[in-house]
Every structure is written in C-alpha cells, then in structure tokens.
Amino acid sequence: MPPRLLGPSEIRALAAELDVRPTKTLGQNFVHDANTVRRIVASSRVDSDDVVLEVGPGLGSLTLALLGTAGRVVAVEIDPKLATRLPQTVAEYAPDEADFLDVVTADALAVEPEDLPVAPTALVANLPYNVAVPVLLNLMARFPTLHTALVMVQAEVADRLAATPGGRIYGVPSVKARYYGDVTRAGSIGKHVFWPEPKIESGLVRIERTDRFGTDPEHRRRTFAAIDAAFAQRRKTMRSALASWAGSPARAEELLRAADIDPQIRGERLAVDDFVRLADVAASADPADILEP
C-alpha cells in the first residue's frame, strides 16, 4: 500500500503538536501539497535500488513520498524535536515502510559518511534556503557515492546553479556544481505549496554525477581556489582577478597562457574545464605558487 501523504491540515496539526514555529534561521518552509512531493520524487528518478539522503525532512512530507519509491531513506535533520517525531509520523502514515527509514540528528554542513548507517546513492531534498548552495556542494564533496542529486532551492539559486558560461548570473555555484557532473533545471515550484508561504518561488535542480575530474580532495581544492579567485572580482580580467592567487598579475598571465586561456577574458566566460586546466597547469608549474584567494 502506498504511504499516505501529508496535507495542509496534517502539517498544521503536527506543527501544533510539536509547538513548531517555522524559522527563517533554519530556512524552514514545509511542503503541504501531495502532488508537489510526488512530482519531486518523480523528477529525482530514484527507485528501489537507491538509498536516498534527505536533508531537512522537517515534518515528513517528502520523506513519506520517498519511502514509497526508494529502497531506503536516510534523513538528516538538525532540529532534535523534528528528528524525534519523524519515525513516529512514518509509522503512522506508512507502517510498511517504517523499517526503511533512518533518522540522523545532525547539521548537513558537518555530517560525514561515518555518521550515516549506510552509504547514500541519491540526494533528494528541499534544502533550507539560507544554506542551500553550501549544503549541496558539501554533500557532493563528502559523499562520492551520490550518483544523482535533485534539490529544491530558491528559484534564483536554481537559475544560478544551472547557468552556463557567459550569462550575468553565471558564477561560483554554477562552476562548482559542474565540477561534479551535469547540471540542469528540473522544474519550478510555486509559493502556495508551502507553509508558511515564502515570498519567492522555488526551483528544482538536478545533478547527474560524472566525476570526470576525479574525486581527489586536493584537486578539487586547487580548482575551487582558482574559481573563487576569478569571481571575487568578477568584472576584472582574469589576469587581474587571479593576481593574488597566482602571486602577481604577470604570473597569472603566464599560467593563463599556459592553460590556453586569454588573460583578458573574464571568469564568467570560462567553463569548469577551463578552471580545471588552469589549476592543473599551475600545480604542475610550481604548487608553491598556488595561494588561497
């Protein structure tokens, strides 16, 4: 039997029971529309072979829908009150799936693989708006077993993550997300499916992991340092923007030319492959010259 899903009345009743008042600090907006959570799960393309990592399950709207499709759900919740109540909610609304849920009380910005009972294969989450990008990038870095990610974030953040080189909104999140794989916009979510109703709309972003640059943390650190430096002063040319990172404007130009990148170009015109090539060239030339921005 498919799990029963939470509607507006159930969400409000649970919140009242727990004396939960959604806070901006934790970026809490609870989804109360069953069709929306079904759509998110469908867009995630998870199946019974997947162990889904869900961040910020809140009152359990998305959790219940995931349990009807995924093989297992590991929910990471920072709020102890919500984390304690979630297994009970699942037992009430999806008793047949209760044994396939693990709840970990932790901060998603600090959670490590050893904190989870099993390695996740897919990330599906309604991410807290105020920390969405750091959480997404942190989890992709720390959990190489994640082969896909489908996250709901602010619409403008979704646009930035999925942006391509040359656009006004293309920046650090766009490049870093693509370090891990192919990034696409997977749909839009209106304001009216949340409680409380946010002032802005939301968007779905999907990452299909490729790891074509490998999984070496040091390689990622070097590449991300170059990305951060390039966009710290995004209106400057790469020669100027990378001066501190490389040691001097002249050194930056040398490295850029060695990586076959025009020193007069701006960072917003470069793809992730360019930044990887630049970081690799710089490390090969003289690792001591690579400075944190």
Protein backbone atom coordinates (compact mmCIF):
# COMPACT_ATOMS: atom_id res chain seq x y z
CA MET A 1 0.00 0.00 0.00
CA PRO A 2 1.45 3.43 -0.95
CA PRO A 3 2.18 5.72 2.01
CA ARG A 4 -0.43 8.27 2.95
CA LEU A 5 0.90 11.75 2.37
CA LEU A 6 0.59 14.87 4.47
CA GLY A 7 -1.80 17.65 3.51
CA PRO A 8 -2.24 21.19 4.89
CA SER A 9 -4.33 20.08 7.87
CA GLU A 10 -1.90 17.30 8.83
CA ILE A 11 1.08 19.66 8.55
CA ARG A 12 -0.55 22.25 10.80
CA ALA A 13 -1.64 19.59 13.30
CA LEU A 14 1.87 18.17 13.55
CA ALA A 15 3.36 21.64 13.93
CA ALA A 16 0.86 22.47 16.67
CA GLU A 17 1.56 19.19 18.46
CA LEU A 18 5.29 19.89 18.46
CA ASP A 19 4.86 23.61 19.08
CA VAL A 20 6.93 24.17 15.94
CA ARG A 21 7.09 27.68 14.57
CA PRO A 22 8.98 27.68 11.27
CA THR A 23 12.02 29.94 11.50
CA LYS A 24 13.95 31.93 8.91
CA THR A 25 17.14 31.00 10.76
CA LEU A 26 16.73 27.35 9.79
CA GLY A 27 15.15 28.22 6.45
CA GLN A 28 12.05 26.19 7.29
CA ASN A 29 9.17 26.07 4.81
CA PHE A 30 7.13 22.88 4.97
CA VAL A 31 5.63 21.42 1.78
CA HIS A 32 1.96 20.56 2.26
CA ASP A 33 0.94 19.61 -1.29
CA ALA A 34 0.93 15.89 -2.10
CA ASN A 35 1.14 16.41 -5.85
CA THR A 36 4.28 18.53 -5.40
CA VAL A 37 6.14 15.90 -3.39
CA ARG A 38 5.11 13.21 -5.89
CA ARG A 39 6.48 15.41 -8.66
CA ILE A 40 9.77 15.90 -6.81
CA VAL A 41 10.18 12.16 -6.32
CA ALA A 42 9.36 11.50 -9.98
CA SER A 43 11.90 14.12 -11.08
CA SER A 44 14.55 12.52 -8.88
CA ARG A 45 14.24 9.23 -10.80
CA VAL A 46 15.13 7.20 -7.73
CA ASP A 47 14.00 3.60 -7.47
CA SER A 48 14.07 0.66 -5.10
CA ASP A 49 17.82 0.24 -5.60
CA ASP A 50 18.55 3.69 -4.19
CA VAL A 51 19.45 4.80 -0.68
CA VAL A 52 18.21 8.37 -0.58
CA LEU A 53 19.82 11.03 1.56
CA GLU A 54 17.19 13.60 2.51
CA VAL A 55 18.33 16.80 4.21
CA GLY A 56 15.90 18.75 6.38
CA PRO A 57 12.93 16.36 6.27
CA GLY A 58 11.02 18.63 8.63
CA LEU A 59 7.58 17.18 9.33
CA GLY A 60 7.97 14.38 6.80
CA SER A 61 6.08 15.41 3.65
CA LEU A 62 8.80 14.45 1.19
CA THR A 63 10.05 11.59 3.36
CA LEU A 64 6.77 9.72 3.05
CA ALA A 65 6.72 10.07 -0.72
CA LEU A 66 10.34 8.91 -0.99
CA LEU A 67 9.67 5.83 1.14
CA GLY A 68 7.07 4.75 -1.36
CA THR A 69 9.68 4.66 -4.14
CA ALA A 70 13.25 4.41 -2.82
CA GLY A 71 14.74 1.35 -1.20
CA ARG A 72 15.80 3.28 1.90
CA VAL A 73 15.77 6.86 3.19
CA VAL A 74 18.39 8.37 5.48
CA ALA A 75 17.02 11.66 6.79
CA VAL A 76 19.42 14.21 8.27
CA GLU A 77 17.60 16.71 10.48
CA ILE A 78 19.24 19.43 12.58
CA ASP A 79 16.19 20.05 14.79
CA PRO A 80 16.05 17.37 17.55
CA LYS A 81 12.33 17.86 18.04
CA LEU A 82 11.57 17.18 14.37
CA ALA A 83 14.08 14.33 14.20
CA THR A 84 12.47 12.58 17.16
CA ARG A 85 8.94 12.90 15.73
CA LEU A 86 9.71 11.75 12.17
CA PRO A 87 9.87 7.95 12.82
CA GLN A 88 6.52 8.14 14.59
CA THR A 89 4.97 10.02 11.66
CA VAL A 90 6.25 7.38 9.25
CA ALA A 91 4.93 4.59 11.47
CA GLU A 92 1.50 6.25 11.42
CA TYR A 93 1.29 7.10 7.72
CA ALA A 94 3.46 4.40 6.14
CA PRO A 95 3.75 1.49 8.61
CA ASP A 96 5.01 -0.90 5.94
CA GLU A 97 7.95 1.42 5.21
CA ALA A 98 8.96 2.29 8.78
CA ASP A 99 11.87 -0.14 8.82
CA PHE A 100 13.37 1.53 5.75
CA LEU A 101 13.89 4.92 7.42
CA ASP A 102 16.97 6.06 9.35
CA VAL A 103 16.98 9.45 11.05
CA VAL A 104 20.25 11.17 11.90
CA THR A 105 20.20 14.29 14.05
CA ALA A 106 22.99 16.39 12.56
CA ASP A 107 23.93 19.54 10.72
CA ALA A 108 24.14 18.81 6.97
CA LEU A 109 27.11 21.19 6.74
CA ALA A 110 29.08 18.97 9.13
CA VAL A 111 27.76 15.45 8.51
CA GLU A 112 30.34 12.84 7.48
CA PRO A 113 29.94 9.42 5.82
CA GLU A 114 30.66 7.68 9.11
CA ASP A 115 27.67 9.49 10.67
CA LEU A 116 25.26 7.62 8.41
CA PRO A 117 24.27 3.95 8.82
CA VAL A 118 24.61 3.26 5.09
CA ALA A 119 26.16 4.98 2.07
CA PRO A 120 23.59 7.03 0.13
CA THR A 121 23.29 6.83 -3.64
CA ALA A 122 20.98 9.79 -4.29
CA LEU A 123 20.33 13.16 -2.68
CA VAL A 124 16.72 14.36 -2.72
CA ALA A 125 15.88 17.34 -0.56
CA ASN A 126 14.01 20.57 -0.02
CA LEU A 127 17.11 22.43 1.08
CA PRO A 128 16.96 25.26 3.63
CA TYR A 129 17.02 28.43 1.54
CA ASN A 130 19.70 30.21 3.56
CA VAL A 131 22.35 27.48 3.21
CA ALA A 132 21.25 25.63 0.07
CA VAL A 133 24.41 26.03 -2.01
CA PRO A 134 26.93 25.27 0.78
CA VAL A 135 24.91 22.19 1.80
CA LEU A 136 24.65 20.90 -1.77
CA LEU A 137 28.35 21.35 -2.53
CA ASN A 138 29.39 19.96 0.85
CA LEU A 139 27.36 16.80 0.39
CA MET A 140 28.58 16.24 -3.15
CA ALA A 141 32.15 16.57 -1.89
CA ARG A 142 31.84 14.37 1.18
CA PHE A 143 29.65 11.64 -0.31
CA PRO A 144 31.16 10.39 -3.58
CA THR A 145 28.61 7.54 -3.54
CA LEU A 146 25.90 10.05 -4.51
CA HIS A 147 25.33 9.47 -8.21
CA THR A 148 22.43 11.92 -8.52
CA ALA A 149 21.05 14.95 -6.70
CA LEU A 150 17.62 16.54 -7.05
CA VAL A 151 17.20 19.55 -4.79
CA MET A 152 14.59 22.23 -4.34
CA VAL A 153 16.03 25.70 -3.74
CA GLN A 154 15.07 29.34 -4.30
CA ALA A 155 14.26 29.94 -7.97
CA GLU A 156 17.11 32.43 -8.38
CA VAL A 157 19.55 29.98 -6.79
CA ALA A 158 18.31 27.24 -9.11
CA ASP A 159 18.93 29.57 -12.05
CA ARG A 160 22.46 30.33 -10.85
CA LEU A 161 23.31 26.67 -10.31
CA ALA A 162 22.12 25.74 -13.79
CA ALA A 163 23.56 28.83 -15.53
CA THR A 164 26.01 28.40 -18.40
CA PRO A 165 29.15 30.46 -19.20
CA GLY A 166 28.64 33.97 -20.49
CA GLY A 167 25.47 34.83 -18.62
CA ARG A 168 25.03 37.51 -15.98
CA ILE A 169 24.07 35.01 -13.27
CA TYR A 170 26.82 32.50 -14.06
CA GLY A 171 29.22 32.37 -11.13
CA VAL A 172 30.85 30.33 -8.40
CA PRO A 173 27.87 28.00 -7.71
CA SER A 174 27.44 27.34 -11.44
CA VAL A 175 31.06 26.30 -11.94
CA LYS A 176 31.48 24.31 -8.74
CA ALA A 177 28.28 22.33 -9.29
CA ARG A 178 29.53 21.36 -12.74
CA TYR A 179 32.77 20.09 -11.26
CA TYR A 180 30.71 17.13 -10.04
CA GLY A 181 28.62 16.47 -13.13
CA ASP A 182 25.90 17.64 -15.49
CA VAL A 183 23.58 20.28 -14.02
CA THR A 184 20.08 21.01 -15.30
CA ARG A 185 17.00 22.91 -14.23
CA ALA A 186 14.32 20.30 -13.47
CA GLY A 187 11.23 22.45 -12.96
CA SER A 188 9.63 25.22 -10.94
CA ILE A 189 7.64 25.13 -7.70
CA GLY A 190 5.11 27.81 -6.78
CA LYS A 191 4.81 29.57 -3.44
CA HIS A 192 1.41 28.22 -2.50
CA VAL A 193 2.51 24.65 -1.75
CA PHE A 194 4.44 25.71 1.37
CA TRP A 195 3.60 26.61 4.93
CA PRO A 196 4.46 29.27 5.74
CA GLU A 197 4.23 30.61 2.21
CA PRO A 198 7.60 32.09 1.15
CA LYS A 199 7.86 35.38 -0.71
CA ILE A 200 9.69 33.82 -3.63
CA GLU A 201 9.22 30.82 -5.90
CA SER A 202 11.36 27.71 -5.83
CA GLY A 203 13.13 25.65 -8.46
CA LEU A 204 14.35 22.10 -8.89
CA VAL A 205 17.96 21.42 -9.88
CA ARG A 206 19.31 18.05 -10.92
CA ILE A 207 22.95 16.93 -10.92
CA GLU A 208 23.98 13.75 -12.72
CA ARG A 209 27.34 12.89 -11.27
CA THR A 210 30.14 12.10 -13.72
CA ASP A 211 33.30 12.62 -11.63
CA ARG A 212 35.16 13.20 -14.89
CA PHE A 213 37.73 15.22 -12.93
CA GLY A 214 38.18 12.51 -10.33
CA THR A 215 37.45 12.57 -6.61
CA ASP A 216 40.79 13.74 -5.19
CA PRO A 217 40.03 16.37 -2.49
CA GLU A 218 43.29 18.20 -3.20
CA HIS A 219 42.49 18.51 -6.89
CA ARG A 220 39.07 19.89 -6.00
CA ARG A 221 40.59 22.35 -3.51
CA ARG A 222 43.03 23.69 -6.10
CA THR A 223 40.32 24.07 -8.72
CA PHE A 224 37.87 25.71 -6.34
CA ALA A 225 40.56 28.16 -5.18
CA ALA A 226 41.00 29.29 -8.79
CA ILE A 227 37.22 29.60 -9.22
CA ASP A 228 36.84 31.65 -6.03
CA ALA A 229 39.65 33.99 -7.06
CA ALA A 230 38.26 34.51 -10.56
CA PHE A 231 34.83 35.55 -9.30
CA ALA A 232 35.90 37.53 -6.23
CA GLN A 233 36.25 40.50 -8.58
CA ARG A 234 34.19 39.30 -11.48
CA ARG A 235 34.36 42.49 -13.54
CA LYS A 236 38.14 42.26 -13.74
CA THR A 237 40.04 40.34 -16.37
CA MET A 238 41.45 37.00 -15.35
CA ARG A 239 44.96 38.45 -15.36
CA SER A 240 43.95 40.95 -12.67
CA ALA A 241 41.48 38.78 -10.76
CA LEU A 242 43.99 35.96 -10.32
CA ALA A 243 46.90 38.18 -9.27
CA SER A 244 46.73 37.26 -5.57
CA TRP A 245 46.05 33.59 -6.27
CA ALA A 246 48.98 33.30 -8.68
CA GLY A 247 51.37 35.63 -6.84
CA SER A 248 51.32 38.54 -9.30
CA PRO A 249 49.47 39.71 -12.43
CA ALA A 250 52.46 38.65 -14.57
CA ARG A 251 52.49 35.18 -13.04
CA ALA A 252 48.72 34.93 -13.56
CA GLU A 253 49.18 35.76 -17.24
CA GLU A 254 51.87 33.11 -17.60
CA LEU A 255 49.64 30.45 -16.10
CA LEU A 256 46.64 31.52 -18.14
CA ARG A 257 48.57 31.40 -21.40
CA ALA A 258 50.00 28.01 -20.48
CA ALA A 259 46.41 26.80 -19.95
CA ASP A 260 45.39 28.25 -23.33
CA ILE A 261 43.17 30.91 -21.72
CA ASP A 262 43.10 34.53 -22.85
CA PRO A 263 44.40 36.63 -19.90
CA GLN A 264 41.97 39.44 -20.86
CA ILE A 265 38.89 37.27 -20.59
CA ARG A 266 36.62 37.45 -17.54
CA GLY A 267 35.81 34.48 -15.34
CA GLU A 268 32.16 34.46 -16.35
CA ARG A 269 33.20 33.34 -19.85
CA LEU A 270 35.05 30.24 -18.67
CA ALA A 271 33.68 26.71 -18.28
CA VAL A 272 34.63 24.35 -15.47
CA ASP A 273 37.04 22.57 -17.85
CA ASP A 274 38.99 25.82 -18.20
CA PHE A 275 39.34 26.23 -14.44
CA VAL A 276 40.42 22.61 -14.03
CA ARG A 277 43.01 23.01 -16.78
CA LEU A 278 44.29 26.23 -15.21
CA ALA A 279 44.60 24.68 -11.75
CA ASP A 280 46.37 21.64 -13.19
CA VAL A 281 48.83 23.79 -15.14
CA ALA A 282 49.54 25.93 -12.08
CA ALA A 283 50.08 22.92 -9.82
CA SER A 284 52.42 21.31 -12.34
CA ALA A 285 54.38 24.52 -12.84
CA ASP A 286 55.00 25.16 -9.16
CA PRO A 287 52.49 24.11 -6.46
CA ALA A 288 54.05 26.61 -4.05
CA ASP A 289 52.70 29.44 -6.17
CA ILE A 290 49.09 28.42 -5.65
CA LEU A 291 47.73 30.65 -2.92
CA GLU A 292 44.30 30.67 -1.33
CA PRO A 293 42.33 33.74 -2.50
